[in-house]
Protein backbone atom coordinates (compact mmCIF):
# COMPACT_ATOMS: atom_id res chain seq x y z
CA UNK A 1 25.39 -66.31 67.35
CA UNK A 2 26.53 -69.82 68.27
CA UNK A 3 23.59 -71.63 66.71
CA UNK A 4 23.10 -69.41 63.66
CA UNK A 5 25.13 -67.23 61.34
CA UNK A 6 22.71 -64.54 60.15
CA UNK A 7 19.26 -63.24 61.00
CA UNK A 8 17.95 -65.15 57.99
CA UNK A 9 19.67 -68.35 59.11
CA UNK A 10 18.15 -68.01 62.57
CA UNK A 11 14.71 -67.29 61.14
CA UNK A 12 14.84 -70.34 58.90
CA UNK A 13 15.82 -72.46 61.91
CA UNK A 14 12.80 -71.18 63.83
CA UNK A 15 14.92 -69.06 66.17
CA UNK A 16 13.59 -65.65 67.25
CA UNK A 17 16.62 -63.44 67.84
CA UNK A 18 16.83 -60.41 70.16
CA UNK A 19 16.89 -58.24 67.03
CA UNK A 20 13.62 -59.78 65.83
CA UNK A 21 12.09 -59.19 69.27
CA UNK A 22 13.15 -55.55 69.17
CA UNK A 23 11.76 -55.01 65.67
CA UNK A 24 8.49 -56.73 66.56
CA UNK A 25 7.98 -54.39 69.52
CA UNK A 26 8.63 -51.27 67.42
CA UNK A 27 6.36 -52.41 64.60
CA UNK A 28 3.42 -53.65 66.72
CA UNK A 29 3.90 -57.09 65.21
CA UNK A 30 4.44 -60.47 66.81
CA UNK A 31 7.98 -61.88 66.95
CA UNK A 32 6.75 -64.86 64.96
CA UNK A 33 5.51 -62.60 62.16
CA UNK A 34 8.91 -60.92 61.96
CA UNK A 35 10.71 -64.27 62.03
CA UNK A 36 8.57 -65.61 59.19
CA UNK A 37 9.15 -62.52 57.02
CA UNK A 38 12.90 -62.62 57.63
CA UNK A 39 12.95 -66.31 56.74
CA UNK A 40 11.16 -65.53 53.47
CA UNK A 41 13.46 -62.59 52.68
CA UNK A 42 10.57 -60.10 52.73
CA UNK A 43 12.04 -58.33 55.75
CA UNK A 44 15.72 -57.60 56.32
CA UNK A 45 17.23 -56.72 59.69
CA UNK A 46 20.71 -55.40 58.82
CA UNK A 47 22.67 -56.10 62.01
CA UNK A 48 26.39 -56.84 61.74
CA UNK A 49 27.41 -58.85 64.80
CA UNK A 50 30.29 -56.39 65.39
CA UNK A 51 27.92 -53.37 65.58
CA UNK A 52 27.17 -53.84 69.26
CA UNK A 53 25.53 -50.45 69.90
CA UNK A 54 22.97 -50.97 67.13
CA UNK A 55 19.29 -50.37 67.82
CA UNK A 56 18.00 -52.75 65.13
CA UNK A 57 15.33 -51.92 62.57
CA UNK A 58 13.36 -54.07 60.17
CA UNK A 59 13.11 -53.14 56.50
CA UNK A 60 10.12 -54.45 54.57
CA UNK A 61 7.03 -53.15 52.82
CA UNK A 62 4.73 -54.38 55.61
CA UNK A 63 6.71 -52.40 58.22
CA UNK A 64 7.21 -48.65 58.76
CA UNK A 65 9.04 -47.08 55.84
CA UNK A 66 12.64 -46.37 56.84
CA UNK A 67 14.93 -43.63 55.55
CA UNK A 68 18.65 -43.55 54.87
CA UNK A 69 20.95 -40.53 55.00
CA UNK A 70 24.02 -40.40 52.76
CA UNK A 71 27.09 -38.70 54.24
CA UNK A 72 30.85 -38.74 53.86
CA UNK A 73 33.81 -36.61 52.88
CA UNK A 74 35.19 -35.87 49.42
CA UNK A 75 38.36 -34.23 48.15
CA UNK A 76 36.68 -30.81 48.13
CA UNK A 77 34.82 -31.21 51.45
CA UNK A 78 37.00 -33.26 53.78
CA UNK A 79 36.13 -32.29 57.36
CA UNK A 80 35.16 -35.44 59.26
CA UNK A 81 34.03 -33.37 62.26
CA UNK A 82 31.39 -31.69 60.12
CA UNK A 83 30.28 -35.10 58.82
CA UNK A 84 29.92 -36.31 62.40
CA UNK A 85 27.71 -33.28 63.13
CA UNK A 86 25.54 -34.34 60.21
CA UNK A 87 25.42 -37.90 61.56
CA UNK A 88 24.24 -36.81 65.01
CA UNK A 89 21.71 -34.42 63.50
CA UNK A 90 20.37 -37.21 61.27
CA UNK A 91 20.08 -39.66 64.17
CA UNK A 92 18.34 -37.07 66.35
CA UNK A 93 15.84 -36.37 63.57
CA UNK A 94 14.90 -40.02 63.25
CA UNK A 95 16.96 -41.38 60.35
CA UNK A 96 17.16 -45.17 60.58
CA UNK A 97 20.36 -45.56 58.57
CA UNK A 98 23.56 -43.71 57.70
CA UNK A 99 25.54 -44.52 54.57
CA UNK A 100 29.18 -43.46 54.67
CA UNK A 101 30.07 -42.62 51.07
CA UNK A 102 33.47 -41.10 51.86
CA UNK A 103 35.82 -40.91 48.89
CA UNK A 104 38.85 -39.16 50.36
CA UNK A 105 41.42 -39.60 53.10
CA UNK A 106 41.71 -42.34 55.70
CA UNK A 107 38.15 -43.61 55.72
CA UNK A 108 38.49 -46.46 58.21
CA UNK A 109 38.63 -44.45 61.49
CA UNK A 110 35.42 -42.59 60.58
CA UNK A 111 33.71 -45.83 59.54
CA UNK A 112 34.76 -47.52 62.79
CA UNK A 113 33.60 -44.52 64.80
CA UNK A 114 30.18 -44.89 63.22
CA UNK A 115 29.89 -48.59 64.01
CA UNK A 116 31.19 -48.09 67.57
CA UNK A 117 29.08 -45.05 68.49
CA UNK A 118 26.09 -44.80 66.15
CA UNK A 119 22.91 -46.71 67.10
CA UNK A 120 21.40 -46.72 63.60
CA UNK A 121 22.23 -49.01 60.68
CA UNK A 122 25.49 -48.21 58.90
CA UNK A 123 25.96 -48.83 55.19
CA UNK A 124 28.88 -48.37 52.81
CA UNK A 125 29.80 -48.78 49.15
CA UNK A 126 33.10 -50.71 49.20
CA UNK A 127 33.97 -49.94 45.57
CA UNK A 128 34.34 -46.25 46.51
CA UNK A 129 36.80 -47.14 49.22
CA UNK A 130 38.92 -49.48 47.11
CA UNK A 131 40.90 -46.79 45.29
CA UNK A 132 41.33 -44.82 48.51
CA UNK A 133 42.31 -47.84 50.61
CA UNK A 134 44.99 -49.09 48.22
CA UNK A 135 46.00 -45.64 46.92
CA UNK A 136 46.16 -47.04 43.40
CA UNK A 137 44.33 -45.99 40.26
CA UNK A 138 41.22 -47.95 39.34
CA UNK A 139 42.79 -49.94 36.48
CA UNK A 140 45.56 -51.18 38.79
CA UNK A 141 43.17 -52.87 41.20
CA UNK A 142 42.47 -56.60 40.99
CA UNK A 143 39.26 -58.48 41.57
CA UNK A 144 40.70 -59.74 44.85
CA UNK A 145 41.38 -56.17 45.96
CA UNK A 146 37.68 -55.35 45.68
CA UNK A 147 36.67 -58.49 47.58
CA UNK A 148 39.17 -57.76 50.35
CA UNK A 149 37.67 -54.30 50.88
CA UNK A 150 34.23 -55.89 51.26
CA UNK A 151 35.76 -58.11 53.94
CA UNK A 152 37.37 -55.10 55.62
CA UNK A 153 34.07 -53.23 55.80
CA UNK A 154 32.34 -56.34 57.17
CA UNK A 155 35.01 -56.67 59.86
CA UNK A 156 34.60 -52.97 60.70
CA UNK A 157 30.97 -53.62 61.57
CA UNK A 158 28.93 -52.13 58.73
CA UNK A 159 25.40 -53.53 58.59
CA UNK A 160 24.86 -53.39 54.84
CA UNK A 161 27.02 -52.91 51.76
CA UNK A 162 25.90 -51.66 48.37
CA UNK A 163 27.46 -53.86 45.71
CA UNK A 164 26.91 -53.19 42.02
CA UNK A 165 26.68 -56.87 41.10
CA UNK A 166 24.15 -56.61 38.29
CA UNK A 167 26.27 -54.74 35.77
CA UNK A 168 28.26 -57.10 33.54
CA UNK A 169 30.34 -57.12 30.36
CA UNK A 170 27.06 -57.39 28.47
CA UNK A 171 25.99 -54.06 29.95
CA UNK A 172 28.89 -52.30 28.22
CA UNK A 173 27.45 -53.23 24.84
CA UNK A 174 23.92 -52.33 25.94
CA UNK A 175 24.96 -48.85 27.02
CA UNK A 176 26.72 -48.28 23.72
CA UNK A 177 23.87 -49.71 21.66
CA UNK A 178 20.86 -48.08 23.34
CA UNK A 179 22.46 -44.62 23.64
CA UNK A 180 20.91 -43.50 26.88
CA UNK A 181 20.58 -39.78 27.40
CA UNK A 182 22.47 -39.93 30.73
CA UNK A 183 24.40 -43.21 30.36
CA UNK A 184 25.26 -44.40 33.91
CA UNK A 185 24.78 -41.96 36.80
CA UNK A 186 25.50 -44.40 39.62
CA UNK A 187 28.93 -43.50 41.00
CA UNK A 188 29.65 -47.10 41.99
CA UNK A 189 28.21 -48.41 38.75
CA UNK A 190 30.37 -46.06 36.69
CA UNK A 191 33.50 -47.19 38.56
CA UNK A 192 32.73 -50.85 37.89
CA UNK A 193 31.92 -50.03 34.25
CA UNK A 194 35.21 -48.13 33.92
CA UNK A 195 37.19 -50.97 35.53
CA UNK A 196 35.65 -53.55 33.17
CA UNK A 197 36.29 -51.28 30.17
CA UNK A 198 39.95 -50.73 31.06
CA UNK A 199 40.83 -54.27 32.16
CA UNK A 200 38.60 -56.35 29.86
CA UNK A 201 37.55 -58.42 32.89
CA UNK A 202 34.13 -59.33 34.19
CA UNK A 203 32.59 -57.41 37.10
CA UNK A 204 34.34 -58.87 40.19
CA UNK A 205 31.25 -58.39 42.35
CA UNK A 206 29.28 -60.54 39.90
CA UNK A 207 32.00 -63.06 39.09
CA UNK A 208 32.89 -63.69 42.75
CA UNK A 209 29.42 -63.24 44.19
CA UNK A 210 29.42 -66.54 46.09
CA UNK A 211 32.69 -65.69 47.85
CA UNK A 212 31.24 -62.30 48.80
CA UNK A 213 28.14 -64.04 50.16
CA UNK A 214 30.36 -66.20 52.37
CA UNK A 215 31.98 -63.05 53.80
CA UNK A 216 28.60 -61.47 54.43
CA UNK A 217 27.26 -64.63 56.05
CA UNK A 218 30.25 -64.77 58.42
CA UNK A 219 29.62 -61.25 59.76
CA UNK A 220 25.86 -61.01 59.06
CA UNK A 221 26.14 -58.20 56.56
CA UNK A 222 23.09 -57.48 54.41
CA UNK A 223 23.78 -57.07 50.69
CA UNK A 224 22.11 -54.09 49.08
CA UNK A 225 22.13 -54.95 45.41
CA UNK A 226 23.07 -51.67 43.73
CA UNK A 227 21.27 -50.40 40.66
CA UNK A 228 24.18 -49.36 38.45
CA UNK A 229 21.77 -48.71 35.58
CA UNK A 230 19.22 -46.65 37.46
CA UNK A 231 17.84 -43.86 35.27
CA UNK A 232 19.50 -40.49 35.77
CA UNK A 233 16.83 -38.60 33.85
CA UNK A 234 13.20 -39.19 32.93
CA UNK A 235 14.12 -40.13 29.36
CA UNK A 236 16.00 -43.24 30.58
CA UNK A 237 13.34 -44.46 33.02
CA UNK A 238 12.20 -48.08 32.77
CA UNK A 239 14.42 -48.79 29.77
CA UNK A 240 16.09 -52.03 28.66
CA UNK A 241 19.27 -51.42 30.66
CA UNK A 242 17.39 -50.78 33.89
CA UNK A 243 15.02 -53.73 33.58
CA UNK A 244 17.63 -56.26 32.43
CA UNK A 245 19.82 -55.33 35.39
CA UNK A 246 16.81 -55.78 37.68
CA UNK A 247 16.28 -59.28 36.29
CA UNK A 248 19.91 -60.08 37.10
CA UNK A 249 19.47 -58.69 40.60
CA UNK A 250 16.52 -61.02 41.05
CA UNK A 251 18.77 -63.97 40.19
CA UNK A 252 21.43 -62.75 42.60
CA UNK A 253 18.83 -62.37 45.34
CA UNK A 254 18.13 -66.09 45.13
CA UNK A 255 21.84 -66.88 45.26
CA UNK A 256 22.34 -64.71 48.34
CA UNK A 257 19.36 -66.26 50.09
CA UNK A 258 20.88 -69.69 49.40
CA UNK A 259 23.77 -68.53 51.62
CA UNK A 260 21.29 -67.25 54.25
CA UNK A 261 22.42 -63.71 53.44
CA UNK A 262 19.81 -60.97 53.71
CA UNK A 263 19.20 -58.83 50.64
CA UNK A 264 17.79 -55.45 49.75
CA UNK A 265 17.40 -54.37 46.12
CA UNK A 266 18.13 -50.79 45.10
CA UNK A 267 15.79 -49.01 42.75
CA UNK A 268 15.36 -46.23 40.27
CA UNK A 269 16.35 -42.58 40.64
CA UNK A 270 14.57 -40.43 38.04
CA UNK A 271 11.12 -41.81 37.15
CA UNK A 272 8.00 -40.03 35.85
CA UNK A 273 5.25 -40.03 38.46
CA UNK A 274 3.00 -42.25 36.35
CA UNK A 275 5.69 -44.97 36.21
CA UNK A 276 6.63 -45.09 39.91
CA UNK A 277 3.99 -47.59 41.08
CA UNK A 278 4.63 -49.83 38.07
CA UNK A 279 8.35 -49.88 38.87
CA UNK A 280 7.56 -51.05 42.40
CA UNK A 281 5.31 -53.84 41.13
CA UNK A 282 7.92 -55.05 38.63
CA UNK A 283 10.59 -55.16 41.34
CA UNK A 284 8.36 -57.08 43.76
CA UNK A 285 7.67 -59.66 41.08
CA UNK A 286 11.22 -60.07 39.74
CA UNK A 287 12.91 -59.97 43.17
CA UNK A 288 10.36 -62.10 45.01
CA UNK A 289 9.36 -59.48 47.55
CA UNK A 290 12.87 -58.58 48.72
CA UNK A 291 12.84 -55.12 50.36
CA UNK A 292 13.11 -52.33 47.78
CA UNK A 293 15.48 -49.44 48.57
CA UNK A 294 14.86 -46.44 46.33
CA UNK A 295 16.64 -43.15 45.67
CA UNK A 296 13.77 -40.70 45.53
CA UNK A 297 12.42 -41.47 42.98
CA UNK A 298 12.80 -37.99 41.49
CA UNK A 299 9.76 -37.23 39.38
CA UNK A 300 11.16 -34.32 37.38
CA UNK A 301 14.62 -33.27 36.19
CA UNK A 302 14.25 -29.48 36.43
CA UNK A 303 14.34 -28.72 40.17
CA UNK A 304 17.99 -28.36 41.27
CA UNK A 305 17.92 -26.75 44.69
CA UNK A 306 14.53 -28.34 45.38
CA UNK A 307 15.18 -32.00 44.62
CA UNK A 308 14.31 -32.94 48.20
CA UNK A 309 10.74 -32.03 47.16
CA UNK A 310 10.79 -33.92 43.84
CA UNK A 311 12.15 -36.94 45.72
CA UNK A 312 9.54 -36.71 48.47
CA UNK A 313 6.75 -36.72 45.89
CA UNK A 314 8.16 -39.82 44.23
CA UNK A 315 9.11 -41.40 47.56
CA UNK A 316 5.60 -41.16 48.93
CA UNK A 317 4.14 -42.88 45.88
CA UNK A 318 6.94 -45.47 45.84
CA UNK A 319 6.56 -46.38 49.50
CA UNK A 320 2.77 -46.50 49.26
CA UNK A 321 3.26 -48.90 46.33
CA UNK A 322 5.67 -51.23 48.13
CA UNK A 323 9.10 -49.62 48.55
CA UNK A 324 10.47 -50.28 52.03
CA UNK A 325 13.46 -47.94 52.34
CA UNK A 326 13.89 -44.39 51.05
CA UNK A 327 17.29 -42.86 50.42
CA UNK A 328 16.95 -39.20 51.25
CA UNK A 329 17.68 -36.48 48.72
CA UNK A 330 18.76 -32.99 49.79
CA UNK A 331 18.43 -29.53 48.20
CA UNK A 332 22.11 -29.94 47.22
CA UNK A 333 21.44 -32.97 44.99
CA UNK A 334 23.13 -32.54 41.59
CA UNK A 335 24.85 -29.39 42.91
CA UNK A 336 27.17 -29.91 45.88
CA UNK A 337 27.99 -31.92 48.99
CA UNK A 338 25.11 -31.19 51.40
CA UNK A 339 25.76 -29.05 54.46
CA UNK A 340 24.11 -29.52 57.86
CA UNK A 341 20.99 -27.53 56.87
CA UNK A 342 20.69 -29.45 53.57
CA UNK A 343 20.82 -32.70 55.52
CA UNK A 344 18.01 -31.50 57.79
CA UNK A 345 15.83 -30.45 54.85
CA UNK A 346 16.42 -33.77 53.11
CA UNK A 347 15.56 -35.78 56.21
CA UNK A 348 12.34 -33.84 56.86
CA UNK A 349 11.20 -34.27 53.26
CA UNK A 350 11.92 -38.01 53.32
CA UNK A 351 10.28 -38.50 56.71
CA UNK A 352 7.13 -36.77 55.44
CA UNK A 353 7.08 -39.05 52.38
CA UNK A 354 7.64 -42.18 54.47
CA UNK A 355 4.98 -41.23 57.03
CA UNK A 356 2.42 -40.35 54.37
CA UNK A 357 3.00 -43.73 52.73
CA UNK A 358 2.70 -45.60 56.02
CA UNK A 359 -0.69 -43.99 56.64
CA UNK A 360 -1.81 -44.91 53.13
CA UNK A 361 -0.69 -48.53 53.62
CA UNK A 362 -2.40 -48.84 57.00
CA UNK A 363 0.78 -49.60 58.93
CA UNK A 364 -0.23 -50.27 62.56
CA UNK A 365 -0.44 -47.05 64.62
CA UNK A 366 1.07 -44.94 61.81
CA UNK A 367 -1.74 -42.35 62.11
CA UNK A 368 -1.73 -42.10 65.90
CA UNK A 369 0.40 -38.95 65.99
CA UNK A 370 -1.77 -37.30 63.31
CA UNK A 371 -4.85 -37.95 65.43
CA UNK A 372 -3.10 -36.37 68.43
CA UNK A 373 -2.30 -33.35 66.28
CA UNK A 374 -5.95 -33.07 65.28
CA UNK A 375 -6.97 -33.09 68.95
CA UNK A 376 -4.37 -30.43 69.79
CA UNK A 377 -5.44 -28.17 66.92
CA UNK A 378 -9.11 -28.45 67.81
CA UNK A 379 -8.46 -26.89 71.21
CA UNK A 380 -5.72 -24.55 69.94
CA UNK A 381 -3.14 -26.13 72.26
CA UNK A 382 0.07 -24.83 70.73
CA UNK A 383 2.49 -26.70 72.99
CA UNK A 384 0.74 -29.97 72.22
CA UNK A 385 0.90 -29.17 68.50
CA UNK A 386 4.64 -28.58 68.71
CA UNK A 387 5.05 -31.88 70.57
CA UNK A 388 3.33 -33.69 67.68
CA UNK A 389 5.30 -31.89 64.97
CA UNK A 390 7.92 -33.66 62.88
CA UNK A 391 10.23 -30.66 63.42
CA UNK A 392 9.05 -28.93 66.61
CA UNK A 393 11.82 -26.32 66.64
CA UNK A 394 10.98 -24.99 63.19
CA UNK A 395 7.24 -24.96 63.87
CA UNK A 396 7.71 -23.06 67.14
CA UNK A 397 10.19 -20.62 65.60
CA UNK A 398 7.76 -19.68 62.82
CA UNK A 399 4.91 -19.05 65.24
CA UNK A 400 7.09 -17.14 67.71
CA UNK A 401 8.42 -14.90 64.94
CA UNK A 402 4.89 -13.91 63.83
CA UNK A 403 2.74 -13.99 66.94
CA UNK A 404 -0.78 -12.52 66.75
CA UNK A 405 -1.94 -9.53 68.78
CA UNK A 406 -2.31 -10.07 72.52
CA UNK A 407 -6.11 -9.89 72.47
CA UNK A 408 -6.44 -13.02 70.38
CA UNK A 409 -3.25 -14.96 71.17
CA UNK A 410 -5.17 -18.24 71.03
CA UNK A 411 -5.17 -17.98 67.23
CA UNK A 412 -2.40 -17.56 64.65
CA UNK A 413 -1.47 -14.42 62.76
CA UNK A 414 -2.95 -15.64 59.47
CA UNK A 415 -6.63 -15.53 60.49
CA UNK A 416 -6.68 -13.75 63.83
CA UNK A 417 -10.26 -13.61 65.10
CA UNK A 418 -11.43 -14.95 61.75
CA UNK A 419 -9.97 -18.31 62.87
CA UNK A 420 -12.39 -21.11 61.95
CA UNK A 421 -11.33 -23.25 64.91
CA UNK A 422 -11.91 -20.41 67.38
CA UNK A 423 -15.29 -19.53 65.86
CA UNK A 424 -16.50 -23.14 65.89
CA UNK A 425 -15.38 -23.72 69.48
CA UNK A 426 -17.25 -20.61 70.63
CA UNK A 427 -20.33 -21.40 68.52
CA UNK A 428 -20.58 -24.94 69.83
CA UNK A 429 -20.12 -23.67 73.38
CA UNK A 430 -22.93 -21.16 72.87
CA UNK A 431 -20.58 -18.20 73.26
CA UNK A 432 -20.65 -14.81 71.53
CA UNK A 433 -18.24 -14.75 68.54
CA UNK A 434 -16.41 -11.44 68.32
CA UNK A 435 -14.62 -10.78 65.05
CA UNK A 436 -13.54 -7.11 65.15
């Protein structure tokens, strides 16, 4: 880090960093390709220089789609040990990032534990932590207080921070004038909106953006530009508030890049399926190809308890259309803090969406494992099928719980001897095909 400050600074100086080398190897790309994309801002490698155990990943639409897992304690669910179980489960299942959204208690030890022990990218939302850190009500905090918490998180080693920089005093009037059905559903965005409303001041993350960029450049923290005005229901999708904020985020992307600070742009939550691809295209145009980090998108509002499915549907279309980073959604979305099983279900759904999109985009070697599964199924090799499965334990448990009769154990209990694979193998081998 002696000759460059950030990954972007190194890339623009023609330097290929160890992180770029690592990403290139994982993505079947050349180090020079990765360097060029980082220099252009089309790929981000969030890698705080204090996060020494990090196994770096690249985020960009031309790379494998990555997924993020949101975790953290709240006043009603405040067991950090349980959160750490969720973290380890998420890492073991292949999540590339963990966001600590804790909003209760002493958050710093847990955050530092993550950056000292966790090999995946760590993200935070400093505005959440501001009230907790200072133990003062929102209206009593100053602009400098918010900036100092960003600095604290950077010093603690977090790789990216979500900052709701695009919401301004003008947004207050927009929200009142346009009468959205769900107003603002972003937790961070609502806090900034509330602070501006109570103090009469401009958004500190917008007003002091250059100072924040200097902090991020010092520690190589990637800024994830938060979408305070993301739609919280289908009725608000792609409205004036959402698009105008996106335009502002595009302007801020340029300003961050001028400081050699890497940027991701956060995207919509609830979006009808027919608008998802268009939202991706608009973002790519307005934000000059900066990696797009989307929540879902959720393509219907009526599936509480199953929103990991609604998000996976939208996420697959979004990623196939250019989104680079999917924020997982669990069955507990809109209902409760997710438990360990909810986290697992959310990760599996998001991984399926990401993988499906990577195949559709032709990401190098994305389909290799699917081809191995096809080979294993053709010869009814169950162990090989489990080895290819996204969740081997669940697949094996289902089969073991409903095994077929002993005389045709090469098939499954759905078809038995009517199994098409079995019949075709025997037919092609010239064997007698017994059905009864």
